[in-house]
Amino acid sequence: MPFCHGFRLRTGGFARRVGAAAAISTLALLPVACSNSPSASDTAGTAAEQITLTDQWIKAVPTVNPAEHPMSGAFGVFHNKSDKPVNLVAATSPASETVEIHETAPNGAGEKMMRPKAGGLVIPAHGDATLAPGGDHLMFMGLKAPLRTGSETPITLTFSDGSTTTVTAQVRDFAGGKESYQPSGDGAGSGDKAAHGG
């Protein structure tokens, strides 16, 4: 009987040690499982870190007369890798006095007009937003120098959370983009129109 009593004591101690080791192992695995959560990785970082821009380019303007307030347009494809929409609200470039986010829409006479896009450009979650001639684009207003084919122009993009990123756009020849510019967003009676470069 003493021998059996001693055996029971050793077995109980072993069980406690095994149980403690199993509990420690389980706790050690918990942080790993949490860190691999898809929602955590998808939402991490700023808006600028979630966006990529591909095939970006800007229309060539070989000669510039500042008195004519020369313009051009920049294009490309935005991709949003996050699980939330991202809003592009502003852009700047050393190539022009200002850069505006524009859309194309018909005026009262049915003519295609370029105008500022209210609220900026929304890039959907896990989706794309395309800047293209005749559609949404970045409008360079008041070019400071010619944009010659083959050269490159930096563009700094600002998102609604205040984050920014700078991309480089290649200058390309493009024969289109003869629409008018409607800065006020009014109808066909606006007298402030200019040939659009995009």
C-alpha atoms as a PDB file:
ATOM      1  CA  MET A   1       0.000   0.000   0.000  1.00  0.00           C
ATOM      2  CA  PRO A   2       2.782   2.562   0.724  1.00  0.00           C
ATOM      3  CA  PHE A   3       4.190   1.835  -2.711  1.00  0.00           C
ATOM      4  CA  CYS A   4       0.831   2.520  -4.366  1.00  0.00           C
ATOM      5  CA  HIS A   5       0.410   5.725  -2.344  1.00  0.00           C
ATOM      6  CA  GLY A   6       3.795   6.996  -3.563  1.00  0.00           C
ATOM      7  CA  PHE A   7       2.919   6.170  -7.168  1.00  0.00           C
ATOM      8  CA  ARG A   8      -0.266   8.201  -6.953  1.00  0.00           C
ATOM      9  CA  LEU A   9       1.690  11.224  -5.730  1.00  0.00           C
ATOM     10  CA  ARG A  10       4.171  11.046  -8.607  1.00  0.00           C
ATOM     11  CA  THR A  11       1.378  10.603 -11.156  1.00  0.00           C
ATOM     12  CA  GLY A  12      -0.475  13.641  -9.826  1.00  0.00           C
ATOM     13  CA  GLY A  13       2.667  15.808 -10.047  1.00  0.00           C
ATOM     14  CA  PHE A  14       3.330  14.664 -13.601  1.00  0.00           C
ATOM     15  CA  ALA A  15      -0.254  15.483 -14.616  1.00  0.00           C
ATOM     16  CA  ARG A  16       0.052  18.948 -13.149  1.00  0.00           C
ATOM     17  CA  ARG A  17       3.302  19.547 -15.027  1.00  0.00           C
ATOM     18  CA  VAL A  18       1.804  18.323 -18.316  1.00  0.00           C
ATOM     19  CA  GLY A  19      -1.289  20.481 -17.826  1.00  0.00           C
ATOM     20  CA  ALA A  20       0.804  23.591 -17.120  1.00  0.00           C
ATOM     21  CA  ALA A  21       2.959  22.996 -20.195  1.00  0.00           C
ATOM     22  CA  ALA A  22      -0.136  22.601 -22.381  1.00  0.00           C
ATOM     23  CA  ALA A  23      -1.605  25.850 -21.040  1.00  0.00           C
ATOM     24  CA  ILE A  24       1.635  27.755 -21.742  1.00  0.00           C
ATOM     25  CA  SER A  25       1.762  26.340 -25.279  1.00  0.00           C
ATOM     26  CA  THR A  26      -1.832  27.411 -25.921  1.00  0.00           C
ATOM     27  CA  LEU A  27      -1.161  30.963 -24.681  1.00  0.00           C
ATOM     28  CA  ALA A  28       1.961  31.219 -26.832  1.00  0.00           C
ATOM     29  CA  LEU A  29      -0.082  30.486 -29.957  1.00  0.00           C
ATOM     30  CA  LEU A  30      -2.726  33.135 -29.339  1.00  0.00           C
ATOM     31  CA  PRO A  31      -0.699  36.246 -30.421  1.00  0.00           C
ATOM     32  CA  VAL A  32       0.296  34.482 -33.646  1.00  0.00           C
ATOM     33  CA  ALA A  33      -3.322  33.794 -34.521  1.00  0.00           C
ATOM     34  CA  CYS A  34      -4.259  37.432 -33.851  1.00  0.00           C
ATOM     35  CA  SER A  35      -1.392  38.849 -35.894  1.00  0.00           C
ATOM     36  CA  ASN A  36      -2.459  36.794 -38.899  1.00  0.00           C
ATOM     37  CA  SER A  37      -5.966  38.276 -38.925  1.00  0.00           C
ATOM     38  CA  PRO A  38      -6.842  39.486 -42.487  1.00  0.00           C
ATOM     39  CA  SER A  39      -8.822  42.457 -41.188  1.00  0.00           C
ATOM     40  CA  ALA A  40      -5.828  43.731 -39.227  1.00  0.00           C
ATOM     41  CA  SER A  41      -3.506  43.599 -42.234  1.00  0.00           C
ATOM     42  CA  ASP A  42      -6.053  45.101 -44.630  1.00  0.00           C
ATOM     43  CA  THR A  43      -6.763  48.169 -42.496  1.00  0.00           C
ATOM     44  CA  ALA A  44      -3.226  48.919 -41.310  1.00  0.00           C
ATOM     45  CA  GLY A  45      -1.428  52.047 -42.471  1.00  0.00           C
ATOM     46  CA  THR A  46      -2.431  55.337 -44.058  1.00  0.00           C
ATOM     47  CA  ALA A  47      -4.558  55.812 -47.150  1.00  0.00           C
ATOM     48  CA  ALA A  48      -1.442  56.631 -49.176  1.00  0.00           C
ATOM     49  CA  GLU A  49       0.059  53.267 -48.196  1.00  0.00           C
ATOM     50  CA  GLN A  50      -3.009  51.419 -49.504  1.00  0.00           C
ATOM     51  CA  ILE A  51      -2.970  53.009 -52.982  1.00  0.00           C
ATOM     52  CA  THR A  52      -0.857  52.300 -56.053  1.00  0.00           C
ATOM     53  CA  LEU A  53      -0.936  54.199 -59.360  1.00  0.00           C
ATOM     54  CA  THR A  54       0.048  52.428 -62.569  1.00  0.00           C
ATOM     55  CA  ASP A  55       0.533  53.506 -66.195  1.00  0.00           C
ATOM     56  CA  GLN A  56       0.552  57.164 -65.173  1.00  0.00           C
ATOM     57  CA  TRP A  57       1.251  59.722 -67.903  1.00  0.00           C
ATOM     58  CA  ILE A  58       0.672  63.365 -68.784  1.00  0.00           C
ATOM     59  CA  LYS A  59      -0.134  64.927 -72.144  1.00  0.00           C
ATOM     60  CA  ALA A  60       2.788  66.646 -73.878  1.00  0.00           C
ATOM     61  CA  VAL A  61       2.649  70.425 -74.336  1.00  0.00           C
ATOM     62  CA  PRO A  62       5.738  71.322 -76.415  1.00  0.00           C
ATOM     63  CA  THR A  63       5.326  75.107 -76.228  1.00  0.00           C
ATOM     64  CA  VAL A  64       4.013  77.249 -73.406  1.00  0.00           C
ATOM     65  CA  ASN A  65       2.743  80.838 -73.472  1.00  0.00           C
ATOM     66  CA  PRO A  66       1.992  81.892 -69.871  1.00  0.00           C
ATOM     67  CA  ALA A  67      -0.457  84.528 -71.136  1.00  0.00           C
ATOM     68  CA  GLU A  68      -2.673  81.739 -72.490  1.00  0.00           C
ATOM     69  CA  HIS A  69      -2.799  79.927 -69.137  1.00  0.00           C
ATOM     70  CA  PRO A  70      -1.676  76.604 -70.696  1.00  0.00           C
ATOM     71  CA  MET A  71      -3.112  73.330 -69.404  1.00  0.00           C
ATOM     72  CA  SER A  72      -2.526  69.599 -69.588  1.00  0.00           C
ATOM     73  CA  GLY A  73      -4.031  66.415 -68.187  1.00  0.00           C
ATOM     74  CA  ALA A  74      -2.582  63.463 -66.278  1.00  0.00           C
ATOM     75  CA  PHE A  75      -3.957  59.916 -66.365  1.00  0.00           C
ATOM     76  CA  GLY A  76      -3.421  56.448 -64.916  1.00  0.00           C
ATOM     77  CA  VAL A  77      -5.091  53.695 -62.878  1.00  0.00           C
ATOM     78  CA  PHE A  78      -5.412  53.796 -59.072  1.00  0.00           C
ATOM     79  CA  HIS A  79      -5.706  50.518 -57.156  1.00  0.00           C
ATOM     80  CA  ASN A  80      -6.885  50.292 -53.552  1.00  0.00           C
ATOM     81  CA  LYS A  81      -5.684  47.187 -51.690  1.00  0.00           C
ATOM     82  CA  SER A  82      -7.528  47.990 -48.449  1.00  0.00           C
ATOM     83  CA  ASP A  83     -11.027  46.964 -47.326  1.00  0.00           C
ATOM     84  CA  LYS A  84     -12.244  50.582 -47.168  1.00  0.00           C
ATOM     85  CA  PRO A  85     -12.811  53.226 -49.883  1.00  0.00           C
ATOM     86  CA  VAL A  86     -10.031  55.798 -50.191  1.00  0.00           C
ATOM     87  CA  ASN A  87     -10.647  59.388 -51.261  1.00  0.00           C
ATOM     88  CA  LEU A  88      -8.111  61.384 -53.305  1.00  0.00           C
ATOM     89  CA  VAL A  89      -8.788  65.035 -52.441  1.00  0.00           C
ATOM     90  CA  ALA A  90      -5.906  67.059 -53.922  1.00  0.00           C
ATOM     91  CA  ALA A  91      -2.774  66.987 -56.075  1.00  0.00           C
ATOM     92  CA  THR A  92       0.175  69.288 -56.728  1.00  0.00           C
ATOM     93  CA  SER A  93       3.106  69.374 -59.141  1.00  0.00           C
ATOM     94  CA  PRO A  94       6.055  71.707 -59.727  1.00  0.00           C
ATOM     95  CA  ALA A  95       5.105  71.624 -63.429  1.00  0.00           C
ATOM     96  CA  SER A  96       2.043  73.861 -62.957  1.00  0.00           C
ATOM     97  CA  GLU A  97       0.580  76.544 -60.738  1.00  0.00           C
ATOM     98  CA  THR A  98      -2.277  74.283 -59.665  1.00  0.00           C
ATOM     99  CA  VAL A  99      -3.552  70.740 -60.198  1.00  0.00           C
ATOM    100  CA  GLU A 100      -7.260  69.935 -59.915  1.00  0.00           C
ATOM    101  CA  ILE A 101      -9.200  66.664 -59.880  1.00  0.00           C
ATOM    102  CA  HIS A 102     -11.608  66.872 -62.823  1.00  0.00           C
ATOM    103  CA  GLU A 103     -14.462  65.001 -64.395  1.00  0.00           C
ATOM    104  CA  THR A 104     -16.122  65.235 -67.818  1.00  0.00           C
ATOM    105  CA  ALA A 105     -19.824  66.032 -68.066  1.00  0.00           C
ATOM    106  CA  PRO A 106     -22.171  67.482 -70.716  1.00  0.00           C
ATOM    107  CA  ASN A 107     -23.364  71.061 -70.350  1.00  0.00           C
ATOM    108  CA  GLY A 108     -26.832  72.360 -71.246  1.00  0.00           C
ATOM    109  CA  ALA A 109     -25.941  72.371 -74.947  1.00  0.00           C
ATOM    110  CA  GLY A 110     -24.728  68.791 -74.879  1.00  0.00           C
ATOM    111  CA  GLU A 111     -21.059  69.772 -75.162  1.00  0.00           C
ATOM    112  CA  LYS A 112     -18.453  67.870 -73.169  1.00  0.00           C
ATOM    113  CA  MET A 113     -17.120  70.069 -70.372  1.00  0.00           C
ATOM    114  CA  MET A 114     -14.317  69.602 -67.881  1.00  0.00           C
ATOM    115  CA  ARG A 115     -15.066  70.671 -64.322  1.00  0.00           C
ATOM    116  CA  PRO A 116     -13.744  70.071 -60.783  1.00  0.00           C
ATOM    117  CA  LYS A 117     -14.956  66.759 -59.368  1.00  0.00           C
ATOM    118  CA  ALA A 118     -16.960  67.458 -56.218  1.00  0.00           C
ATOM    119  CA  GLY A 119     -15.579  65.568 -53.236  1.00  0.00           C
ATOM    120  CA  GLY A 120     -12.514  64.341 -55.111  1.00  0.00           C
ATOM    121  CA  LEU A 121     -11.917  60.873 -56.550  1.00  0.00           C
ATOM    122  CA  VAL A 122     -13.164  57.823 -54.639  1.00  0.00           C
ATOM    123  CA  ILE A 123     -11.135  54.638 -55.081  1.00  0.00           C
ATOM    124  CA  PRO A 124     -13.331  51.701 -53.983  1.00  0.00           C
ATOM    125  CA  ALA A 125     -12.223  49.044 -51.519  1.00  0.00           C
ATOM    126  CA  HIS A 126     -10.203  46.330 -53.283  1.00  0.00           C
ATOM    127  CA  GLY A 127     -10.981  48.113 -56.543  1.00  0.00           C
ATOM    128  CA  ASP A 128      -9.726  50.541 -59.184  1.00  0.00           C
ATOM    129  CA  ALA A 129     -10.392  54.120 -60.277  1.00  0.00           C
ATOM    130  CA  THR A 130      -9.254  55.101 -63.760  1.00  0.00           C
ATOM    131  CA  LEU A 131      -8.064  58.505 -64.938  1.00  0.00           C
ATOM    132  CA  ALA A 132      -8.546  58.645 -68.719  1.00  0.00           C
ATOM    133  CA  PRO A 133      -8.945  61.195 -71.536  1.00  0.00           C
ATOM    134  CA  GLY A 134     -12.592  62.168 -71.750  1.00  0.00           C
ATOM    135  CA  GLY A 135     -13.227  61.027 -68.158  1.00  0.00           C
ATOM    136  CA  ASP A 136     -11.820  61.683 -64.711  1.00  0.00           C
ATOM    137  CA  HIS A 137      -8.297  63.122 -64.767  1.00  0.00           C
ATOM    138  CA  LEU A 138      -5.830  65.428 -63.047  1.00  0.00           C
ATOM    139  CA  MET A 139      -5.846  68.841 -64.705  1.00  0.00           C
ATOM    140  CA  PHE A 140      -2.599  70.806 -64.722  1.00  0.00           C
ATOM    141  CA  MET A 141      -3.460  74.502 -64.855  1.00  0.00           C
ATOM    142  CA  GLY A 142      -0.959  77.261 -65.560  1.00  0.00           C
ATOM    143  CA  LEU A 143       1.975  75.234 -66.885  1.00  0.00           C
ATOM    144  CA  LYS A 144       5.296  76.799 -65.914  1.00  0.00           C
ATOM    145  CA  ALA A 145       7.335  75.244 -68.745  1.00  0.00           C
ATOM    146  CA  PRO A 146       6.845  72.984 -71.782  1.00  0.00           C
ATOM    147  CA  LEU A 147       6.084  69.307 -71.178  1.00  0.00           C
ATOM    148  CA  ARG A 148       8.225  67.498 -73.724  1.00  0.00           C
ATOM    149  CA  THR A 149       7.649  63.916 -74.836  1.00  0.00           C
ATOM    150  CA  GLY A 150       9.777  61.414 -72.939  1.00  0.00           C
ATOM    151  CA  SER A 151      10.387  63.631 -69.925  1.00  0.00           C
ATOM    152  CA  GLU A 152       8.939  62.928 -66.481  1.00  0.00           C
ATOM    153  CA  THR A 153       6.898  65.041 -64.063  1.00  0.00           C
ATOM    154  CA  PRO A 154       6.385  64.439 -60.311  1.00  0.00           C
ATOM    155  CA  ILE A 155       2.865  64.584 -58.875  1.00  0.00           C
ATOM    156  CA  THR A 156       2.116  64.662 -55.140  1.00  0.00           C
ATOM    157  CA  LEU A 157      -1.228  63.097 -54.229  1.00  0.00           C
ATOM    158  CA  THR A 158      -3.120  63.964 -51.022  1.00  0.00           C
ATOM    159  CA  PHE A 159      -5.796  61.739 -49.492  1.00  0.00           C
ATOM    160  CA  SER A 160      -8.651  62.529 -47.106  1.00  0.00           C
ATOM    161  CA  ASP A 161      -6.726  61.333 -44.042  1.00  0.00           C
ATOM    162  CA  GLY A 162      -3.946  63.861 -44.804  1.00  0.00           C
ATOM    163  CA  SER A 163      -1.440  61.266 -46.008  1.00  0.00           C
ATOM    164  CA  THR A 164       0.495  61.943 -49.225  1.00  0.00           C
ATOM    165  CA  THR A 165       2.543  60.102 -51.810  1.00  0.00           C
ATOM    166  CA  THR A 166       4.557  61.315 -54.795  1.00  0.00           C
ATOM    167  CA  VAL A 167       4.519  59.546 -58.154  1.00  0.00           C
ATOM    168  CA  THR A 168       6.262  60.265 -61.443  1.00  0.00           C
ATOM    169  CA  ALA A 169       4.315  60.569 -64.697  1.00  0.00           C
ATOM    170  CA  GLN A 170       5.834  60.181 -68.139  1.00  0.00           C
ATOM    171  CA  VAL A 171       5.058  62.843 -70.753  1.00  0.00           C
ATOM    172  CA  ARG A 172       3.437  61.365 -73.884  1.00  0.00           C
ATOM    173  CA  ASP A 173       2.028  62.686 -77.153  1.00  0.00           C
ATOM    174  CA  PHE A 174      -1.760  62.692 -77.336  1.00  0.00           C
ATOM    175  CA  ALA A 175      -3.920  64.265 -80.038  1.00  0.00           C
ATOM    176  CA  GLY A 176      -7.227  64.294 -78.125  1.00  0.00           C
ATOM    177  CA  GLY A 177      -8.504  66.416 -75.296  1.00  0.00           C
ATOM    178  CA  LYS A 178     -10.210  69.268 -77.134  1.00  0.00           C
ATOM    179  CA  GLU A 179     -13.018  69.691 -74.612  1.00  0.00           C
ATOM    180  CA  SER A 180     -13.727  73.011 -72.903  1.00  0.00           C
ATOM    181  CA  TYR A 181     -13.087  73.839 -69.268  1.00  0.00           C
ATOM    182  CA  GLN A 182     -15.981  74.914 -67.070  1.00  0.00           C
ATOM    183  CA  PRO A 183     -14.438  76.191 -63.819  1.00  0.00           C
ATOM    184  CA  SER A 184     -17.666  77.360 -62.200  1.00  0.00           C
ATOM    185  CA  GLY A 185     -19.651  74.164 -62.818  1.00  0.00           C
ATOM    186  CA  ASP A 186     -22.449  76.251 -64.378  1.00  0.00           C
ATOM    187  CA  GLY A 187     -24.235  75.694 -67.677  1.00  0.00           C
ATOM    188  CA  ALA A 188     -23.290  76.612 -71.221  1.00  0.00           C
ATOM    189  CA  GLY A 189     -23.587  80.326 -70.529  1.00  0.00           C
ATOM    190  CA  SER A 190     -20.298  80.497 -68.656  1.00  0.00           C
ATOM    191  CA  GLY A 191     -17.921  82.847 -70.398  1.00  0.00           C
ATOM    192  CA  ASP A 192     -14.772  81.521 -68.780  1.00  0.00           C
ATOM    193  CA  LYS A 193     -13.769  78.636 -71.036  1.00  0.00           C
ATOM    194  CA  ALA A 194     -10.371  77.458 -72.191  1.00  0.00           C
ATOM    195  CA  ALA A 195      -9.093  74.657 -74.392  1.00  0.00           C
ATOM    196  CA  HIS A 196      -8.334  71.694 -72.202  1.00  0.00           C
ATOM    197  CA  GLY A 197      -5.054  69.866 -72.415  1.00  0.00           C
ATOM    198  CA  GLY A 198      -6.359  66.478 -71.320  1.00  0.00           C
END
